[in-house]
Amino acid sequence: VMASANWQSVLLNWICRLEQIGFVNYIVLAADEELYQSLSQVKAPVFRFSVQRKGTSWSAFHEQLWLHRWRLMSEVIKRGYDVLHSDADAVWIGDPSAILNLQVDIIASRGSPEPDWLLCMGYVYIRSTPSTLEFLPRFIKHLVKVKDDQRAFNLIMSFGLKVAWNKDPFDGKNYKDVIVGSTMNKPQMQIVLLPNTIARRFGCAPGSMSGSEIVVHCREVGDVGMTQKESPDTKAEGLSKLGLWVLRNGWKDETNPSSWNSYMSAICRQKSVP
């Protein structure tokens, strides 16, 4: 997961949820020095990965963040590691082990029902295989051009590699199904598109969860917008409506813990308080 200092509360809530489901194999990529220093002070598993800001706009910063993020991910995958990348607002509520055992190259959550936005980069698992190692440089080269990681990824998949799906991924009646795609052009890859019942993206009103979700990464919760441009406070409001905000209000007062585990115990609630 990657975050900057202004998203620290969302990040810590994400980690609280991971800890609560017993998933501890994670690392935080700090996109600025402020977050790196803050997390280092509380002994977090954090890696300094500062992104240089070019301009003051949201888009200018995120263009650099996406590019540097995937350059780093590519290097990790090249070294033989499989990587599950998650946005900090993609809240884990279940163990992903079952889906990660699927013997395919890429597993992704659902984006928008359009060819250039279908696969979401907010929850995506990429195995280190010969095919993904061939694909990633091509993806990054296109990312430099189009300046959006999700769009670059999907443009290559849809129009370059020409993925053929076993079910129509744009048909709403298939949103509850696991959909498998195979590339028609090289490199040969298999891709799994997760159903909305496992990686929840749509239909996120309070009380609407199916109980089978592993991750919740909503575009909106009721009347609360949850897209990437919303503020941390808005994210907290939406996640609270779903019972998924478990960060204590006084988390900023916790300093100099004896360990990262003791820090997390101090700042995380067992249950969400709306």
C-alpha atoms as a PDB file:
ATOM      1  CA  VAL A   1       0.000   0.000   0.000  1.00  0.00           C
ATOM      2  CA  MET A   2       1.166   3.536  -0.750  1.00  0.00           C
ATOM      3  CA  ALA A   3       0.065   6.757   0.942  1.00  0.00           C
ATOM      4  CA  SER A   4       1.128  10.312   1.676  1.00  0.00           C
ATOM      5  CA  ALA A   5       0.920  12.199   4.976  1.00  0.00           C
ATOM      6  CA  ASN A   6      -2.488  13.744   4.331  1.00  0.00           C
ATOM      7  CA  TRP A   7      -3.911  10.199   4.012  1.00  0.00           C
ATOM      8  CA  GLN A   8      -2.367   8.844   7.208  1.00  0.00           C
ATOM      9  CA  SER A   9      -5.708   8.325   8.954  1.00  0.00           C
ATOM     10  CA  VAL A  10      -7.102   6.322   6.007  1.00  0.00           C
ATOM     11  CA  LEU A  11      -3.884   4.306   5.868  1.00  0.00           C
ATOM     12  CA  LEU A  12      -3.944   3.492   9.592  1.00  0.00           C
ATOM     13  CA  ASN A  13      -7.582   2.450   9.388  1.00  0.00           C
ATOM     14  CA  TRP A  14      -6.630   0.129   6.509  1.00  0.00           C
ATOM     15  CA  ILE A  15      -3.855  -1.408   8.626  1.00  0.00           C
ATOM     16  CA  CYS A  16      -6.210  -1.781  11.605  1.00  0.00           C
ATOM     17  CA  ARG A  17      -8.502  -3.882   9.449  1.00  0.00           C
ATOM     18  CA  LEU A  18      -5.596  -6.010   8.186  1.00  0.00           C
ATOM     19  CA  GLU A  19      -4.439  -6.655  11.718  1.00  0.00           C
ATOM     20  CA  GLN A  20      -7.950  -7.630  12.767  1.00  0.00           C
ATOM     21  CA  ILE A  21      -8.212 -10.336  10.096  1.00  0.00           C
ATOM     22  CA  GLY A  22      -4.751 -11.613  11.022  1.00  0.00           C
ATOM     23  CA  PHE A  23      -2.935 -10.477   7.885  1.00  0.00           C
ATOM     24  CA  VAL A  24       0.491  -9.102   8.826  1.00  0.00           C
ATOM     25  CA  ASN A  25       2.563  -9.536   5.653  1.00  0.00           C
ATOM     26  CA  TYR A  26       2.390  -5.972   4.356  1.00  0.00           C
ATOM     27  CA  ILE A  27       4.624  -2.968   3.785  1.00  0.00           C
ATOM     28  CA  VAL A  28       3.779   0.722   3.564  1.00  0.00           C
ATOM     29  CA  LEU A  29       5.328   2.835   0.809  1.00  0.00           C
ATOM     30  CA  ALA A  30       5.579   6.393   2.135  1.00  0.00           C
ATOM     31  CA  ALA A  31       5.078   8.821  -0.735  1.00  0.00           C
ATOM     32  CA  ASP A  32       6.512  11.762   1.215  1.00  0.00           C
ATOM     33  CA  GLU A  33       9.066  12.363   3.945  1.00  0.00           C
ATOM     34  CA  GLU A  34       6.461  13.531   6.457  1.00  0.00           C
ATOM     35  CA  LEU A  35       4.641  10.194   6.432  1.00  0.00           C
ATOM     36  CA  TYR A  36       7.890   8.251   6.483  1.00  0.00           C
ATOM     37  CA  GLN A  37       9.117  10.061   9.602  1.00  0.00           C
ATOM     38  CA  SER A  38       5.751   9.749  11.351  1.00  0.00           C
ATOM     39  CA  LEU A  39       5.513   6.002  10.745  1.00  0.00           C
ATOM     40  CA  SER A  40       9.170   5.390  11.544  1.00  0.00           C
ATOM     41  CA  GLN A  41       8.620   6.997  14.943  1.00  0.00           C
ATOM     42  CA  VAL A  42       5.993   4.372  15.792  1.00  0.00           C
ATOM     43  CA  LYS A  43       8.124   1.532  14.366  1.00  0.00           C
ATOM     44  CA  ALA A  44       5.927   0.768  11.357  1.00  0.00           C
ATOM     45  CA  PRO A  45       6.988  -1.494   8.447  1.00  0.00           C
ATOM     46  CA  VAL A  46       7.531   1.500   6.167  1.00  0.00           C
ATOM     47  CA  PHE A  47       9.717   2.063   3.121  1.00  0.00           C
ATOM     48  CA  ARG A  48      10.780   5.571   2.090  1.00  0.00           C
ATOM     49  CA  PHE A  49       9.526   6.157  -1.437  1.00  0.00           C
ATOM     50  CA  SER A  50       9.122   9.907  -1.716  1.00  0.00           C
ATOM     51  CA  VAL A  51       7.419  11.178  -4.851  1.00  0.00           C
ATOM     52  CA  GLN A  52       8.671  14.472  -6.197  1.00  0.00           C
ATOM     53  CA  ARG A  53       5.836  16.910  -6.745  1.00  0.00           C
ATOM     54  CA  LYS A  54       5.736  18.551 -10.155  1.00  0.00           C
ATOM     55  CA  GLY A  55       3.208  21.329  -9.777  1.00  0.00           C
ATOM     56  CA  THR A  56       0.595  21.768  -7.067  1.00  0.00           C
ATOM     57  CA  SER A  57      -2.420  20.070  -8.646  1.00  0.00           C
ATOM     58  CA  TRP A  58      -3.919  16.761  -7.536  1.00  0.00           C
ATOM     59  CA  SER A  59      -3.411  15.267 -10.988  1.00  0.00           C
ATOM     60  CA  ALA A  60       0.248  16.340 -11.267  1.00  0.00           C
ATOM     61  CA  PHE A  61       1.119  14.643  -7.979  1.00  0.00           C
ATOM     62  CA  HIS A  62      -0.805  11.453  -8.730  1.00  0.00           C
ATOM     63  CA  GLU A  63       0.660  11.113 -12.213  1.00  0.00           C
ATOM     64  CA  GLN A  64       4.073  10.914 -10.569  1.00  0.00           C
ATOM     65  CA  LEU A  65       2.819   8.666  -7.757  1.00  0.00           C
ATOM     66  CA  TRP A  66       1.282   6.122 -10.153  1.00  0.00           C
ATOM     67  CA  LEU A  67       4.375   6.033 -12.355  1.00  0.00           C
ATOM     68  CA  HIS A  68       6.846   5.620  -9.494  1.00  0.00           C
ATOM     69  CA  ARG A  69       4.592   3.114  -7.735  1.00  0.00           C
ATOM     70  CA  TRP A  70       4.483   0.790 -10.723  1.00  0.00           C
ATOM     71  CA  ARG A  71       8.164   1.157 -11.483  1.00  0.00           C
ATOM     72  CA  LEU A  72       8.841  -0.070  -7.955  1.00  0.00           C
ATOM     73  CA  MET A  73       6.227  -2.842  -8.172  1.00  0.00           C
ATOM     74  CA  SER A  74       7.766  -3.971 -11.438  1.00  0.00           C
ATOM     75  CA  GLU A  75      11.191  -4.252  -9.831  1.00  0.00           C
ATOM     76  CA  VAL A  76       9.781  -6.281  -6.932  1.00  0.00           C
ATOM     77  CA  ILE A  77       7.945  -8.636  -9.299  1.00  0.00           C
ATOM     78  CA  LYS A  78      11.084  -8.933 -11.443  1.00  0.00           C
ATOM     79  CA  ARG A  79      12.894 -10.254  -8.354  1.00  0.00           C
ATOM     80  CA  GLY A  80      10.458 -13.147  -8.141  1.00  0.00           C
ATOM     81  CA  TYR A  81       7.871 -11.828  -5.665  1.00  0.00           C
ATOM     82  CA  ASP A  82       4.125 -11.940  -6.253  1.00  0.00           C
ATOM     83  CA  VAL A  83       2.547  -8.609  -5.272  1.00  0.00           C
ATOM     84  CA  LEU A  84      -0.936  -7.706  -4.087  1.00  0.00           C
ATOM     85  CA  HIS A  85      -1.321  -3.952  -4.401  1.00  0.00           C
ATOM     86  CA  SER A  86      -4.123  -2.285  -2.456  1.00  0.00           C
ATOM     87  CA  ASP A  87      -5.247   1.313  -2.177  1.00  0.00           C
ATOM     88  CA  ALA A  88      -5.521   2.546   1.407  1.00  0.00           C
ATOM     89  CA  ASP A  89      -9.282   3.008   1.023  1.00  0.00           C
ATOM     90  CA  ALA A  90      -9.753  -0.562  -0.245  1.00  0.00           C
ATOM     91  CA  VAL A  91     -10.618  -1.980   3.180  1.00  0.00           C
ATOM     92  CA  TRP A  92      -9.912  -5.669   3.742  1.00  0.00           C
ATOM     93  CA  ILE A  93     -12.577  -7.567   5.645  1.00  0.00           C
ATOM     94  CA  GLY A  94     -11.568 -11.141   4.818  1.00  0.00           C
ATOM     95  CA  ASP A  95      -8.552 -13.333   4.178  1.00  0.00           C
ATOM     96  CA  PRO A  96      -7.605 -13.174   0.458  1.00  0.00           C
ATOM     97  CA  SER A  97      -5.641 -16.456   0.507  1.00  0.00           C
ATOM     98  CA  ALA A  98      -8.302 -18.455  -1.358  1.00  0.00           C
ATOM     99  CA  ILE A  99      -8.383 -16.147  -4.364  1.00  0.00           C
ATOM    100  CA  LEU A 100      -4.610 -15.667  -4.365  1.00  0.00           C
ATOM    101  CA  ASN A 101      -4.212 -19.425  -4.832  1.00  0.00           C
ATOM    102  CA  LEU A 102      -5.864 -19.226  -8.252  1.00  0.00           C
ATOM    103  CA  GLN A 103      -3.245 -20.242 -10.798  1.00  0.00           C
ATOM    104  CA  VAL A 104      -3.490 -17.235 -13.101  1.00  0.00           C
ATOM    105  CA  ASP A 105      -1.188 -14.328 -13.919  1.00  0.00           C
ATOM    106  CA  ILE A 106      -3.297 -11.385 -12.719  1.00  0.00           C
ATOM    107  CA  ILE A 107      -6.301 -11.028 -10.404  1.00  0.00           C
ATOM    108  CA  ALA A 108      -8.086  -7.672 -10.303  1.00  0.00           C
ATOM    109  CA  SER A 109     -11.128  -6.036  -8.798  1.00  0.00           C
ATOM    110  CA  ARG A 110     -13.733  -4.374 -10.964  1.00  0.00           C
ATOM    111  CA  GLY A 111     -13.457  -0.805 -12.215  1.00  0.00           C
ATOM    112  CA  SER A 112     -15.982   0.915 -14.453  1.00  0.00           C
ATOM    113  CA  PRO A 113     -17.808  -1.089 -17.167  1.00  0.00           C
ATOM    114  CA  GLU A 114     -15.760   0.409 -20.005  1.00  0.00           C
ATOM    115  CA  PRO A 115     -12.883  -1.197 -21.953  1.00  0.00           C
ATOM    116  CA  ASP A 116     -10.285   1.323 -20.779  1.00  0.00           C
ATOM    117  CA  TRP A 117     -11.335   1.291 -17.093  1.00  0.00           C
ATOM    118  CA  LEU A 118     -12.520  -2.286 -16.442  1.00  0.00           C
ATOM    119  CA  LEU A 119      -9.682  -3.627 -14.251  1.00  0.00           C
ATOM    120  CA  CYS A 120      -9.133  -1.598 -11.084  1.00  0.00           C
ATOM    121  CA  MET A 121      -5.606  -0.905  -9.821  1.00  0.00           C
ATOM    122  CA  GLY A 122      -6.902  -0.336  -6.279  1.00  0.00           C
ATOM    123  CA  TYR A 123      -6.886  -4.079  -5.567  1.00  0.00           C
ATOM    124  CA  VAL A 124      -4.789  -6.073  -8.002  1.00  0.00           C
ATOM    125  CA  TYR A 125      -2.592  -9.157  -7.609  1.00  0.00           C
ATOM    126  CA  ILE A 126       0.239  -9.758 -10.058  1.00  0.00           C
ATOM    127  CA  ARG A 127       2.240 -12.962 -10.023  1.00  0.00           C
ATOM    128  CA  SER A 128       5.883 -13.033 -11.013  1.00  0.00           C
ATOM    129  CA  THR A 129       5.618 -15.084 -14.208  1.00  0.00           C
ATOM    130  CA  PRO A 130       7.449 -14.869 -17.549  1.00  0.00           C
ATOM    131  CA  SER A 131       4.314 -13.373 -19.070  1.00  0.00           C
ATOM    132  CA  THR A 132       3.850 -10.610 -16.479  1.00  0.00           C
ATOM    133  CA  LEU A 133       7.562  -9.790 -16.658  1.00  0.00           C
ATOM    134  CA  GLU A 134       7.113  -9.260 -20.383  1.00  0.00           C
ATOM    135  CA  PHE A 135       3.914  -7.270 -19.889  1.00  0.00           C
ATOM    136  CA  LEU A 136       4.996  -4.832 -17.166  1.00  0.00           C
ATOM    137  CA  PRO A 137       7.565  -2.784 -19.165  1.00  0.00           C
ATOM    138  CA  ARG A 138       4.973  -2.338 -21.896  1.00  0.00           C
ATOM    139  CA  PHE A 139       2.423  -1.194 -19.335  1.00  0.00           C
ATOM    140  CA  ILE A 140       4.826   1.292 -17.734  1.00  0.00           C
ATOM    141  CA  LYS A 141       5.823   2.715 -21.110  1.00  0.00           C
ATOM    142  CA  HIS A 142       2.144   3.343 -21.864  1.00  0.00           C
ATOM    143  CA  LEU A 143       1.623   4.786 -18.382  1.00  0.00           C
ATOM    144  CA  VAL A 144       4.224   7.466 -19.163  1.00  0.00           C
ATOM    145  CA  LYS A 145       2.137   8.383 -22.180  1.00  0.00           C
ATOM    146  CA  VAL A 146      -1.431   8.357 -20.791  1.00  0.00           C
ATOM    147  CA  LYS A 147      -0.540   9.403 -17.192  1.00  0.00           C
ATOM    148  CA  ASP A 148      -3.131   7.188 -15.462  1.00  0.00           C
ATOM    149  CA  ASP A 149      -2.239   3.679 -14.300  1.00  0.00           C
ATOM    150  CA  GLN A 150      -5.714   2.177 -14.553  1.00  0.00           C
ATOM    151  CA  ARG A 151      -6.327   3.527 -18.029  1.00  0.00           C
ATOM    152  CA  ALA A 152      -2.852   2.519 -19.270  1.00  0.00           C
ATOM    153  CA  PHE A 153      -3.281  -1.011 -17.872  1.00  0.00           C
ATOM    154  CA  ASN A 154      -6.681  -1.484 -19.480  1.00  0.00           C
ATOM    155  CA  LEU A 155      -5.774   0.024 -22.825  1.00  0.00           C
ATOM    156  CA  ILE A 156      -2.948  -2.484 -23.180  1.00  0.00           C
ATOM    157  CA  MET A 157      -5.180  -5.355 -22.046  1.00  0.00           C
ATOM    158  CA  SER A 158      -8.202  -4.464 -24.175  1.00  0.00           C
ATOM    159  CA  PHE A 159      -6.636  -3.169 -27.373  1.00  0.00           C
ATOM    160  CA  GLY A 160      -3.036  -4.390 -27.317  1.00  0.00           C
ATOM    161  CA  LEU A 161      -3.273  -7.904 -25.900  1.00  0.00           C
ATOM    162  CA  LYS A 162      -6.968  -8.247 -26.838  1.00  0.00           C
ATOM    163  CA  VAL A 163      -8.248 -10.084 -23.783  1.00  0.00           C
ATOM    164  CA  ALA A 164     -11.073 -12.509 -24.542  1.00  0.00           C
ATOM    165  CA  TRP A 165     -13.408 -13.074 -21.572  1.00  0.00           C
ATOM    166  CA  ASN A 166     -15.434 -16.209 -20.842  1.00  0.00           C
ATOM    167  CA  LYS A 167     -18.382 -13.940 -19.939  1.00  0.00           C
ATOM    168  CA  ASP A 168     -19.241 -10.399 -20.925  1.00  0.00           C
ATOM    169  CA  PRO A 169     -17.602  -8.280 -18.171  1.00  0.00           C
ATOM    170  CA  PHE A 170     -19.687  -5.239 -19.108  1.00  0.00           C
ATOM    171  CA  ASP A 171     -23.059  -6.937 -18.630  1.00  0.00           C
ATOM    172  CA  GLY A 172     -24.481  -6.151 -15.195  1.00  0.00           C
ATOM    173  CA  LYS A 173     -25.949  -9.629 -14.776  1.00  0.00           C
ATOM    174  CA  ASN A 174     -22.381 -11.018 -14.688  1.00  0.00           C
ATOM    175  CA  TYR A 175     -21.082  -8.717 -11.937  1.00  0.00           C
ATOM    176  CA  LYS A 176     -21.606 -11.473  -9.356  1.00  0.00           C
ATOM    177  CA  ASP A 177     -19.524 -13.999 -11.300  1.00  0.00           C
ATOM    178  CA  VAL A 178     -15.812 -14.745 -11.414  1.00  0.00           C
ATOM    179  CA  ILE A 179     -14.837 -13.873 -14.989  1.00  0.00           C
ATOM    180  CA  VAL A 180     -11.713 -15.270 -16.622  1.00  0.00           C
ATOM    181  CA  GLY A 181      -9.903 -13.691 -19.540  1.00  0.00           C
ATOM    182  CA  SER A 182      -7.089 -14.863 -21.808  1.00  0.00           C
ATOM    183  CA  THR A 183      -4.911 -12.652 -23.961  1.00  0.00           C
ATOM    184  CA  MET A 184      -5.181 -13.262 -27.697  1.00  0.00           C
ATOM    185  CA  ASN A 185      -1.813 -11.638 -28.383  1.00  0.00           C
ATOM    186  CA  LYS A 186       1.521 -12.266 -26.674  1.00  0.00           C
ATOM    187  CA  PRO A 187       2.415 -12.412 -23.887  1.00  0.00           C
ATOM    188  CA  GLN A 188      -0.067 -15.185 -23.142  1.00  0.00           C
ATOM    189  CA  MET A 189      -1.741 -14.439 -19.806  1.00  0.00           C
ATOM    190  CA  GLN A 190      -4.802 -15.390 -17.840  1.00  0.00           C
ATOM    191  CA  ILE A 191      -6.630 -12.695 -15.902  1.00  0.00           C
ATOM    192  CA  VAL A 192      -9.362 -13.097 -13.298  1.00  0.00           C
ATOM    193  CA  LEU A 193     -11.880 -10.298 -12.785  1.00  0.00           C
ATOM    194  CA  LEU A 194     -13.281 -10.587  -9.272  1.00  0.00           C
ATOM    195  CA  PRO A 195     -17.042 -10.405  -8.739  1.00  0.00           C
ATOM    196  CA  ASN A 196     -18.639  -7.498  -6.931  1.00  0.00           C
ATOM    197  CA  THR A 197     -19.649  -9.913  -4.162  1.00  0.00           C
ATOM    198  CA  ILE A 198     -15.967 -10.549  -3.315  1.00  0.00           C
ATOM    199  CA  ALA A 199     -14.380  -7.198  -4.161  1.00  0.00           C
ATOM    200  CA  ARG A 200     -17.231  -4.785  -3.449  1.00  0.00           C
ATOM    201  CA  ARG A 201     -17.208  -1.721  -5.691  1.00  0.00           C
ATOM    202  CA  PHE A 202     -20.883  -0.993  -6.338  1.00  0.00           C
ATOM    203  CA  GLY A 203     -24.059  -1.200  -4.288  1.00  0.00           C
ATOM    204  CA  CYS A 204     -22.401  -0.075  -1.065  1.00  0.00           C
ATOM    205  CA  ALA A 205     -25.389   1.210   0.866  1.00  0.00           C
ATOM    206  CA  PRO A 206     -25.347   0.378   4.608  1.00  0.00           C
ATOM    207  CA  GLY A 207     -26.756  -3.109   5.163  1.00  0.00           C
ATOM    208  CA  SER A 208     -26.141  -4.173   1.560  1.00  0.00           C
ATOM    209  CA  MET A 209     -23.073  -6.358   2.074  1.00  0.00           C
ATOM    210  CA  SER A 210     -23.479 -10.005   1.029  1.00  0.00           C
ATOM    211  CA  GLY A 211     -21.166 -11.422   3.706  1.00  0.00           C
ATOM    212  CA  SER A 212     -18.821 -12.939   1.112  1.00  0.00           C
ATOM    213  CA  GLU A 213     -16.709  -9.802   0.596  1.00  0.00           C
ATOM    214  CA  ILE A 214     -12.952  -9.916   1.044  1.00  0.00           C
ATOM    215  CA  VAL A 215     -12.357  -6.258   0.258  1.00  0.00           C
ATOM    216  CA  VAL A 216     -14.626  -3.201   0.134  1.00  0.00           C
ATOM    217  CA  HIS A 217     -13.542  -0.389  -2.184  1.00  0.00           C
ATOM    218  CA  CYS A 218     -16.688   1.601  -2.805  1.00  0.00           C
ATOM    219  CA  ARG A 219     -17.181   4.381  -5.326  1.00  0.00           C
ATOM    220  CA  GLU A 220     -19.963   5.738  -3.104  1.00  0.00           C
ATOM    221  CA  VAL A 221     -21.708   4.805   0.120  1.00  0.00           C
ATOM    222  CA  GLY A 222     -25.287   5.993   0.030  1.00  0.00           C
ATOM    223  CA  ASP A 223     -24.993   9.711  -0.696  1.00  0.00           C
ATOM    224  CA  VAL A 224     -21.296   9.899   0.278  1.00  0.00           C
ATOM    225  CA  GLY A 225     -18.882  10.022  -2.652  1.00  0.00           C
ATOM    226  CA  MET A 226     -15.833   7.762  -2.232  1.00  0.00           C
ATOM    227  CA  THR A 227     -13.815   8.352  -5.403  1.00  0.00           C
ATOM    228  CA  GLN A 228     -10.070   8.961  -5.263  1.00  0.00           C
ATOM    229  CA  LYS A 229     -10.388  12.749  -5.121  1.00  0.00           C
ATOM    230  CA  GLU A 230     -12.464  12.765  -1.910  1.00  0.00           C
ATOM    231  CA  SER A 231     -10.893  13.909   1.361  1.00  0.00           C
ATOM    232  CA  PRO A 232      -9.837  11.572   4.192  1.00  0.00           C
ATOM    233  CA  ASP A 233     -12.705  12.920   6.317  1.00  0.00           C
ATOM    234  CA  THR A 234     -15.189  11.997   3.593  1.00  0.00           C
ATOM    235  CA  LYS A 235     -13.633   8.540   3.323  1.00  0.00           C
ATOM    236  CA  ALA A 236     -14.002   8.130   7.086  1.00  0.00           C
ATOM    237  CA  GLU A 237     -17.653   9.173   6.897  1.00  0.00           C
ATOM    238  CA  GLY A 238     -18.427   6.649   4.179  1.00  0.00           C
ATOM    239  CA  LEU A 239     -16.537   3.797   5.816  1.00  0.00           C
ATOM    240  CA  SER A 240     -18.197   4.550   9.155  1.00  0.00           C
ATOM    241  CA  LYS A 241     -21.590   4.064   7.512  1.00  0.00           C
ATOM    242  CA  LEU A 242     -20.453   0.562   6.563  1.00  0.00           C
ATOM    243  CA  GLY A 243     -18.992  -0.185   9.995  1.00  0.00           C
ATOM    244  CA  LEU A 244     -15.475  -0.234   8.555  1.00  0.00           C
ATOM    245  CA  TRP A 245     -13.882   2.762  10.278  1.00  0.00           C
ATOM    246  CA  VAL A 246     -12.033   1.383  13.303  1.00  0.00           C
ATOM    247  CA  LEU A 247      -9.356   4.034  13.912  1.00  0.00           C
ATOM    248  CA  ARG A 248      -9.696   5.675  17.321  1.00  0.00           C
ATOM    249  CA  ASN A 249     -10.264   9.445  17.429  1.00  0.00           C
ATOM    250  CA  GLY A 250      -7.212  10.029  19.620  1.00  0.00           C
ATOM    251  CA  TRP A 251      -4.734   8.151  17.424  1.00  0.00           C
ATOM    252  CA  LYS A 252      -2.530  11.254  17.014  1.00  0.00           C
ATOM    253  CA  ASP A 253      -1.895  11.303  20.774  1.00  0.00           C
ATOM    254  CA  GLU A 254      -0.168   7.913  20.731  1.00  0.00           C
ATOM    255  CA  THR A 255       3.603   8.445  20.456  1.00  0.00           C
ATOM    256  CA  ASN A 256       6.775   6.505  21.277  1.00  0.00           C
ATOM    257  CA  PRO A 257       5.234   3.032  21.581  1.00  0.00           C
ATOM    258  CA  SER A 258       7.350   0.071  22.651  1.00  0.00           C
ATOM    259  CA  SER A 259       6.534  -1.679  19.368  1.00  0.00           C
ATOM    260  CA  TRP A 260       4.441  -1.395  16.227  1.00  0.00           C
ATOM    261  CA  ASN A 261       2.075  -4.044  17.617  1.00  0.00           C
ATOM    262  CA  SER A 262       1.491  -2.081  20.808  1.00  0.00           C
ATOM    263  CA  TYR A 263       0.855   1.066  18.763  1.00  0.00           C
ATOM    264  CA  MET A 264      -1.748  -0.691  16.640  1.00  0.00           C
ATOM    265  CA  SER A 265      -3.436  -2.107  19.740  1.00  0.00           C
ATOM    266  CA  ALA A 266      -3.714   1.402  21.141  1.00  0.00           C
ATOM    267  CA  ILE A 267      -5.171   3.109  18.060  1.00  0.00           C
ATOM    268  CA  CYS A 268      -7.535   0.459  16.680  1.00  0.00           C
ATOM    269  CA  ARG A 269     -11.056  -0.201  17.889  1.00  0.00           C
ATOM    270  CA  GLN A 270     -12.444  -3.726  17.770  1.00  0.00           C
ATOM    271  CA  LYS A 271     -15.605  -2.401  16.149  1.00  0.00           C
ATOM    272  CA  SER A 272     -16.520   0.669  14.149  1.00  0.00           C
ATOM    273  CA  VAL A 273     -18.237   3.539  15.873  1.00  0.00           C
ATOM    274  CA  PRO A 274     -20.343   5.594  13.416  1.00  0.00           C
END
